[in-house]
Protein backbone atom coordinates (compact mmCIF):
# COMPACT_ATOMS: atom_id res chain seq x y z
CA UNK A 1 -2.84 -29.91 16.77
CA UNK A 2 0.81 -28.89 16.50
CA UNK A 3 2.75 -26.51 18.73
CA UNK A 4 2.36 -23.67 16.23
CA UNK A 5 -1.41 -24.19 16.01
CA UNK A 6 -1.73 -24.27 19.80
CA UNK A 7 0.20 -21.00 20.14
CA UNK A 8 -1.79 -19.45 17.32
CA UNK A 9 -5.04 -20.61 18.89
CA UNK A 10 -4.01 -19.17 22.30
CA UNK A 11 -3.30 -15.81 20.67
CA UNK A 12 -6.68 -15.82 18.96
CA UNK A 13 -8.38 -16.70 22.24
CA UNK A 14 -6.74 -13.67 23.83
CA UNK A 15 -7.98 -11.48 20.99
CA UNK A 16 -11.46 -12.98 21.32
CA UNK A 17 -11.50 -12.09 25.01
CA UNK A 18 -10.42 -8.56 24.12
CA UNK A 19 -13.32 -8.42 21.66
CA UNK A 20 -15.72 -9.39 24.43
CA UNK A 21 -14.39 -6.55 26.59
CA UNK A 22 -14.92 -4.21 23.65
CA UNK A 23 -18.54 -5.34 23.28
CA UNK A 24 -19.09 -4.86 27.00
CA UNK A 25 -17.79 -1.26 26.87
CA UNK A 26 -20.87 0.59 25.69
CA UNK A 27 -19.23 4.01 25.98
CA UNK A 28 -16.79 3.03 23.22
CA UNK A 29 -19.47 2.01 20.72
CA UNK A 30 -21.48 4.90 19.30
CA UNK A 31 -23.94 2.59 17.54
CA UNK A 32 -25.05 1.15 20.90
CA UNK A 33 -26.13 4.62 22.07
CA UNK A 34 -25.21 4.01 25.69
CA UNK A 35 -26.62 0.50 25.89
CA UNK A 36 -24.66 -2.65 26.65
CA UNK A 37 -24.07 -5.38 24.09
CA UNK A 38 -26.42 -7.61 26.09
CA UNK A 39 -29.15 -4.98 25.82
CA UNK A 40 -28.58 -4.53 22.07
CA UNK A 41 -28.25 -8.20 21.12
CA UNK A 42 -29.87 -9.97 24.07
CA UNK A 43 -33.18 -10.84 22.39
CA UNK A 44 -34.32 -11.31 18.82
CA UNK A 45 -36.58 -8.26 19.09
CA UNK A 46 -33.71 -6.08 20.34
CA UNK A 47 -31.46 -7.28 17.50
CA UNK A 48 -34.13 -6.52 14.93
CA UNK A 49 -34.69 -3.05 16.36
CA UNK A 50 -30.94 -2.37 16.43
CA UNK A 51 -30.54 -3.28 12.76
CA UNK A 52 -33.51 -1.12 11.74
CA UNK A 53 -32.07 1.91 13.55
CA UNK A 54 -28.47 1.43 12.41
CA UNK A 55 -27.03 3.99 9.98
CA UNK A 56 -24.38 3.06 7.40
CA UNK A 57 -21.84 5.23 9.20
CA UNK A 58 -22.54 3.56 12.55
CA UNK A 59 -22.36 0.13 10.96
CA UNK A 60 -19.01 0.84 9.35
CA UNK A 61 -17.61 2.27 12.59
CA UNK A 62 -18.71 -0.90 14.41
CA UNK A 63 -17.13 -3.12 11.74
CA UNK A 64 -13.90 -1.11 11.72
CA UNK A 65 -13.66 -1.26 15.51
CA UNK A 66 -14.16 -5.02 15.60
CA UNK A 67 -11.68 -5.56 12.79
CA UNK A 68 -9.16 -3.24 14.44
CA UNK A 69 -9.30 -5.25 17.65
CA UNK A 70 -8.90 -8.53 15.80
CA UNK A 71 -5.77 -7.14 14.16
CA UNK A 72 -4.37 -5.25 17.16
CA UNK A 73 -4.60 -1.86 15.45
CA UNK A 74 -4.51 1.50 17.17
CA UNK A 75 -7.86 3.27 17.37
CA UNK A 76 -6.84 5.89 14.80
CA UNK A 77 -6.44 3.06 12.27
CA UNK A 78 -9.94 1.66 12.76
CA UNK A 79 -11.31 2.36 9.28
CA UNK A 80 -12.02 0.78 5.91
CA UNK A 81 -8.89 -0.12 4.00
CA UNK A 82 -8.29 2.55 1.37
CA UNK A 83 -6.18 0.42 -0.95
CA UNK A 84 -6.79 -2.68 -3.07
CA UNK A 85 -7.19 -5.89 -1.09
CA UNK A 86 -5.35 -8.69 -2.86
CA UNK A 87 -5.02 -12.41 -2.26
CA UNK A 88 -2.70 -15.13 -3.46
CA UNK A 89 1.01 -15.28 -4.18
CA UNK A 90 2.65 -11.84 -3.68
CA UNK A 91 4.31 -12.19 -7.09
CA UNK A 92 1.01 -13.12 -8.75
CA UNK A 93 -1.67 -11.41 -6.68
CA UNK A 94 -5.36 -11.59 -7.51
CA UNK A 95 -7.36 -8.38 -7.53
CA UNK A 96 -10.83 -9.91 -7.32
CA UNK A 97 -12.49 -7.70 -4.73
CA UNK A 98 -14.40 -4.48 -5.45
CA UNK A 99 -12.56 -1.22 -5.94
CA UNK A 100 -11.90 0.87 -2.79
CA UNK A 101 -14.28 3.60 -3.96
CA UNK A 102 -17.16 1.09 -4.15
CA UNK A 103 -16.87 -0.32 -0.62
CA UNK A 104 -18.99 2.24 1.22
CA UNK A 105 -21.84 1.99 -1.29
CA UNK A 106 -21.80 -1.82 -1.17
CA UNK A 107 -21.83 -1.94 2.63
CA UNK A 108 -24.72 0.54 2.56
CA UNK A 109 -26.56 -1.70 0.07
CA UNK A 110 -25.99 -4.71 2.30
CA UNK A 111 -27.30 -2.91 5.39
CA UNK A 112 -30.37 -1.67 3.50
CA UNK A 113 -31.08 -5.24 2.34
CA UNK A 114 -30.75 -6.51 5.91
CA UNK A 115 -33.13 -3.84 7.16
CA UNK A 116 -35.71 -4.78 4.54
CA UNK A 117 -35.32 -8.45 5.46
CA UNK A 118 -36.00 -7.57 9.10
CA UNK A 119 -39.09 -5.61 8.11
CA UNK A 120 -40.27 -8.58 6.05
CA UNK A 121 -39.94 -10.88 9.06
CA UNK A 122 -37.09 -12.98 7.67
CA UNK A 123 -35.18 -15.22 10.09
CA UNK A 124 -32.18 -13.71 11.84
CA UNK A 125 -29.92 -16.44 10.45
CA UNK A 126 -30.82 -15.25 6.95
CA UNK A 127 -30.18 -11.64 7.92
CA UNK A 128 -26.84 -12.62 9.44
CA UNK A 129 -25.87 -14.62 6.36
CA UNK A 130 -26.61 -11.67 4.10
CA UNK A 131 -24.52 -9.24 6.13
CA UNK A 132 -21.62 -11.64 6.64
CA UNK A 133 -21.60 -12.86 3.02
CA UNK A 134 -21.49 -9.28 1.78
CA UNK A 135 -18.55 -8.48 4.06
CA UNK A 136 -16.71 -11.56 2.85
CA UNK A 137 -17.22 -10.53 -0.78
CA UNK A 138 -16.42 -6.85 -0.24
CA UNK A 139 -13.25 -7.50 1.78
CA UNK A 140 -13.42 -4.06 3.33
CA UNK A 141 -10.23 -4.58 5.33
CA UNK A 142 -6.71 -5.65 4.50
CA UNK A 143 -6.91 -8.58 6.93
CA UNK A 144 -9.32 -10.15 9.40
CA UNK A 145 -12.32 -10.10 7.05
CA UNK A 146 -13.26 -13.70 7.87
CA UNK A 147 -13.26 -13.11 11.62
CA UNK A 148 -15.18 -9.86 11.24
CA UNK A 149 -17.86 -11.48 9.09
CA UNK A 150 -18.10 -14.44 11.47
CA UNK A 151 -18.56 -12.05 14.41
CA UNK A 152 -21.40 -10.28 12.57
CA UNK A 153 -23.06 -13.59 11.72
CA UNK A 154 -22.84 -14.75 15.34
CA UNK A 155 -24.11 -11.48 16.84
CA UNK A 156 -27.06 -11.22 14.47
CA UNK A 157 -28.12 -14.86 14.43
CA UNK A 158 -27.33 -15.91 18.00
CA UNK A 159 -27.41 -12.71 20.02
CA UNK A 160 -25.13 -11.80 22.91
CA UNK A 161 -25.61 -12.47 26.61
CA UNK A 162 -23.04 -12.97 29.40
CA UNK A 163 -23.62 -16.72 29.47
CA UNK A 164 -22.86 -16.91 25.72
CA UNK A 165 -19.25 -15.75 25.88
CA UNK A 166 -17.94 -19.22 25.13
CA UNK A 167 -19.85 -19.09 21.86
CA UNK A 168 -17.76 -16.11 20.80
CA UNK A 169 -14.42 -17.49 21.91
CA UNK A 170 -15.29 -20.58 19.84
CA UNK A 171 -16.40 -18.81 16.67
CA UNK A 172 -13.94 -15.92 16.45
CA UNK A 173 -11.15 -17.14 18.71
CA UNK A 174 -10.23 -20.53 17.29
CA UNK A 175 -8.10 -21.75 14.40
CA UNK A 176 -11.26 -23.20 12.84
CA UNK A 177 -12.73 -19.75 12.34
CA UNK A 178 -10.46 -19.37 9.30
CA UNK A 179 -11.98 -22.45 7.69
CA UNK A 180 -15.49 -21.89 8.98
CA UNK A 181 -15.64 -18.21 8.06
CA UNK A 182 -18.59 -17.99 5.72
CA UNK A 183 -17.25 -19.14 2.36
CA UNK A 184 -19.29 -17.44 -0.32
CA UNK A 185 -17.58 -19.23 -3.21
CA UNK A 186 -20.57 -21.59 -3.31
CA UNK A 187 -22.80 -18.64 -4.21
CA UNK A 188 -22.29 -19.00 -7.94
CA UNK A 189 -24.49 -16.04 -8.79
CA UNK A 190 -25.39 -15.82 -12.50
CA UNK A 191 -23.42 -12.69 -13.27
CA UNK A 192 -21.47 -14.17 -16.18
CA UNK A 193 -23.10 -14.27 -19.61
CA UNK A 194 -21.90 -17.66 -20.86
CA UNK A 195 -24.01 -17.38 -24.02
CA UNK A 196 -22.36 -14.14 -25.08
CA UNK A 197 -18.95 -15.72 -24.59
CA UNK A 198 -19.99 -18.56 -26.90
CA UNK A 199 -21.35 -16.20 -29.54
CA UNK A 200 -18.22 -14.08 -29.64
CA UNK A 201 -15.93 -17.09 -29.52
CA UNK A 202 -14.26 -16.94 -26.14
CA UNK A 203 -16.02 -20.17 -25.11
CA UNK A 204 -16.92 -23.42 -26.82
CA UNK A 205 -20.43 -24.90 -26.76
CA UNK A 206 -19.81 -26.46 -23.36
CA UNK A 207 -18.93 -23.05 -21.90
CA UNK A 208 -15.21 -23.82 -21.55
CA UNK A 209 -12.85 -20.90 -22.12
CA UNK A 210 -10.95 -21.15 -25.39
CA UNK A 211 -7.89 -19.08 -24.57
CA UNK A 212 -4.18 -19.72 -25.10
CA UNK A 213 -1.30 -18.16 -23.13
CA UNK A 214 -3.77 -16.81 -20.59
CA UNK A 215 -2.29 -17.86 -17.27
CA UNK A 216 1.25 -17.58 -18.61
CA UNK A 217 0.66 -13.86 -19.08
CA UNK A 218 2.03 -13.91 -22.63
CA UNK A 219 0.55 -10.64 -23.76
CA UNK A 220 1.62 -8.84 -26.92
CA UNK A 221 0.92 -5.17 -26.37
CA UNK A 222 1.63 -2.80 -29.22
CA UNK A 223 3.60 0.41 -28.91
CA UNK A 224 0.28 2.26 -28.55
CA UNK A 225 -0.27 0.99 -25.00
CA UNK A 226 1.25 2.88 -22.10
CA UNK A 227 3.06 0.99 -19.34
CA UNK A 228 0.40 2.03 -16.82
CA UNK A 229 -2.39 0.57 -18.97
CA UNK A 230 -0.42 -2.62 -19.50
CA UNK A 231 -0.08 -3.06 -15.74
CA UNK A 232 -3.80 -2.48 -15.22
CA UNK A 233 -4.72 -5.02 -17.89
CA UNK A 234 -2.33 -7.67 -16.56
CA UNK A 235 -3.69 -7.12 -13.06
CA UNK A 236 -7.23 -7.78 -14.25
CA UNK A 237 -6.24 -10.88 -16.21
CA UNK A 238 -4.49 -12.41 -13.18
CA UNK A 239 -7.66 -12.37 -11.13
CA UNK A 240 -11.02 -14.05 -11.59
CA UNK A 241 -11.01 -15.24 -15.19
CA UNK A 242 -14.79 -14.95 -15.42
CA UNK A 243 -14.67 -11.22 -14.78
CA UNK A 244 -11.85 -10.90 -17.30
CA UNK A 245 -13.62 -12.91 -20.02
CA UNK A 246 -16.85 -11.00 -19.54
CA UNK A 247 -15.02 -7.66 -19.71
CA UNK A 248 -13.27 -8.73 -22.92
CA UNK A 249 -16.59 -9.89 -24.40
CA UNK A 250 -17.95 -6.41 -23.86
CA UNK A 251 -15.26 -4.95 -26.09
CA UNK A 252 -14.42 -7.43 -28.82
CA UNK A 253 -16.62 -8.49 -31.73
CA UNK A 254 -16.62 -12.00 -33.16
CA UNK A 255 -14.76 -11.06 -36.35
CA UNK A 256 -11.87 -9.56 -34.45
CA UNK A 257 -11.65 -12.60 -32.18
CA UNK A 258 -11.56 -14.99 -35.13
CA UNK A 259 -8.47 -13.23 -36.48
CA UNK A 260 -6.65 -14.28 -33.27
CA UNK A 261 -7.58 -17.98 -33.36
CA UNK A 262 -4.87 -20.58 -33.95
CA UNK A 263 -5.10 -23.85 -35.88
CA UNK A 264 -6.34 -25.69 -32.77
CA UNK A 265 -9.24 -23.30 -32.36
CA UNK A 266 -7.85 -21.43 -29.37
CA UNK A 267 -7.64 -17.64 -29.14
CA UNK A 268 -4.07 -16.49 -28.66
CA UNK A 269 -3.86 -13.90 -25.91
CA UNK A 270 -0.76 -12.33 -27.45
CA UNK A 271 -2.51 -11.75 -30.77
CA UNK A 272 -5.62 -10.46 -28.99
CA UNK A 273 -3.78 -7.89 -26.90
CA UNK A 274 -1.94 -6.56 -29.96
CA UNK A 275 -5.29 -5.11 -31.04
CA UNK A 276 -5.58 -2.99 -27.90
CA UNK A 277 -4.66 0.63 -27.28
CA UNK A 278 -5.03 2.81 -24.20
CA UNK A 279 -8.68 3.65 -24.94
CA UNK A 280 -9.59 -0.01 -25.43
CA UNK A 281 -8.00 -1.00 -22.13
CA UNK A 282 -9.85 1.82 -20.37
CA UNK A 283 -13.15 0.45 -21.69
CA UNK A 284 -12.28 -3.10 -20.63
CA UNK A 285 -11.17 -1.97 -17.16
CA UNK A 286 -14.36 0.00 -16.54
CA UNK A 287 -16.37 -3.14 -17.30
CA UNK A 288 -14.06 -5.29 -15.15
CA UNK A 289 -14.49 -3.00 -12.16
CA UNK A 290 -18.26 -2.89 -12.63
CA UNK A 291 -18.45 -6.69 -12.77
CA UNK A 292 -16.72 -7.00 -9.39
CA UNK A 293 -19.23 -4.59 -7.89
CA UNK A 294 -22.16 -6.28 -9.63
CA UNK A 295 -21.08 -9.66 -8.24
CA UNK A 296 -21.36 -8.41 -4.65
CA UNK A 297 -24.73 -6.83 -5.39
CA UNK A 298 -26.01 -10.16 -6.67
CA UNK A 299 -24.64 -12.06 -3.66
CA UNK A 300 -26.63 -9.66 -1.49
CA UNK A 301 -29.70 -9.98 -3.68
CA UNK A 302 -29.70 -13.78 -3.88
CA UNK A 303 -29.93 -13.95 -0.07
CA UNK A 304 -32.34 -11.04 0.27
CA UNK A 305 -34.59 -12.31 -2.56
CA UNK A 306 -33.98 -16.06 -2.91
CA UNK A 307 -37.37 -16.53 -4.58
CA UNK A 308 -36.25 -14.91 -7.85
CA UNK A 309 -36.09 -17.38 -10.75
CA UNK A 310 -32.55 -16.31 -11.56
CA UNK A 311 -31.39 -17.77 -8.23
CA UNK A 312 -32.74 -21.26 -8.77
CA UNK A 313 -30.28 -24.12 -8.31
CA UNK A 314 -30.39 -27.79 -9.30
CA UNK A 315 -28.80 -30.42 -7.07
CA UNK A 316 -28.86 -34.25 -7.14
CA UNK A 317 -31.73 -35.64 -5.07
CA UNK A 318 -29.92 -38.88 -4.19
CA UNK A 319 -32.35 -40.94 -6.23
CA UNK A 320 -30.96 -40.38 -9.69
CA UNK A 321 -32.90 -37.16 -10.24
CA UNK A 322 -32.50 -33.53 -9.34
CA UNK A 323 -33.99 -31.18 -6.79
CA UNK A 324 -34.83 -27.54 -7.47
CA UNK A 325 -33.66 -25.35 -4.57
CA UNK A 326 -32.53 -21.76 -4.15
CA UNK A 327 -28.95 -20.55 -4.02
CA UNK A 328 -29.58 -19.58 -0.40
CA UNK A 329 -30.62 -23.16 0.46
CA UNK A 330 -27.53 -24.45 -1.33
CA UNK A 331 -25.39 -21.99 0.64
CA UNK A 332 -26.80 -23.21 3.95
CA UNK A 333 -26.25 -26.85 3.01
CA UNK A 334 -22.63 -26.14 2.09
CA UNK A 335 -21.99 -24.39 5.41
CA UNK A 336 -23.46 -27.35 7.30
CA UNK A 337 -21.39 -29.78 5.27
CA UNK A 338 -18.23 -27.77 5.95
CA UNK A 339 -19.01 -27.73 9.67
CA UNK A 340 -19.43 -31.51 9.64
CA UNK A 341 -16.13 -31.96 7.79
CA UNK A 342 -14.33 -29.83 10.38
CA UNK A 343 -16.20 -31.53 13.25
CA UNK A 344 -16.84 -28.11 14.71
CA UNK A 345 -18.88 -27.91 17.88
CA UNK A 346 -19.29 -25.58 20.82
CA UNK A 347 -20.25 -22.10 19.71
CA UNK A 348 -20.47 -23.11 16.07
CA UNK A 349 -23.44 -25.32 16.85
CA UNK A 350 -25.46 -22.25 17.77
CA UNK A 351 -25.13 -21.11 14.15
CA UNK A 352 -25.28 -24.46 12.37
CA UNK A 353 -28.41 -25.55 14.22
CA UNK A 354 -30.31 -22.66 12.65
CA UNK A 355 -29.43 -23.57 9.07
């Protein structure tokens, strides 16, 4: 570990210790209702009861407080981020997370799913995975989402007692927590209609996208498109291409797409966008926003209801065949594999051993 990493790790350890003091200060946490963190999370029964009694408002306040401490924010700034959370290069940001106005409803959906899982007697590791995966996908805050989701996973699955404090300094106070933070990219939920993309012509028979000048951003808007709409469209196209393709499929018909195909069989993005006006872009953007929300809902659902046929997953069985498992099982295996690759131990083992 280099000097920068050691300094960074020391800073995160200090923040982790501050988080522990926050958890031990019951008077500062309305959701605890005067109890200590050890009383709320000390046993599996107490954790289950806490989740069942938690309101969406209390849950969000708890999340915002934890995130605010991780980021060193003043108390008045402990709240959901009201803007768009973006990732990637500042000059080419990706706008893949749900819209700000959808965050509260999605967090409420996640909490309701967790409460039903508790009532159904599901394991606390599954409940923790659902809550933390949802937070990762929602990205309710401008920063610190990984640490916040990891804290939730650890509290729900492992509990909290004075002798467990090293678990928390390991999981939320180390450099590894960035890499270990629950990575939901393996939850390839079946939101995208590949067949429709083939029928309309955006994809070939293998499912590959047949687009030209996509990533280069070579759009050819007509004079009928306002600058504001152009910016919205470009923003959508720079993000998750699957959302973008699906949103375009919802607007275009096959005949119109064929008019934009070049001699090599690819659809030219410049020719395609010349067919758009402000109304068309509004329709596409509504679908794009809905797809981002729907993705989070399906991430929640595939953990809450892994038995649904739609969440089946085929993996190699090591003997030349395949094994039929659920997306949730695949998710757990990927987390374990990532933990092995990072050689994580200490507090992480308390989580990994339950998978």
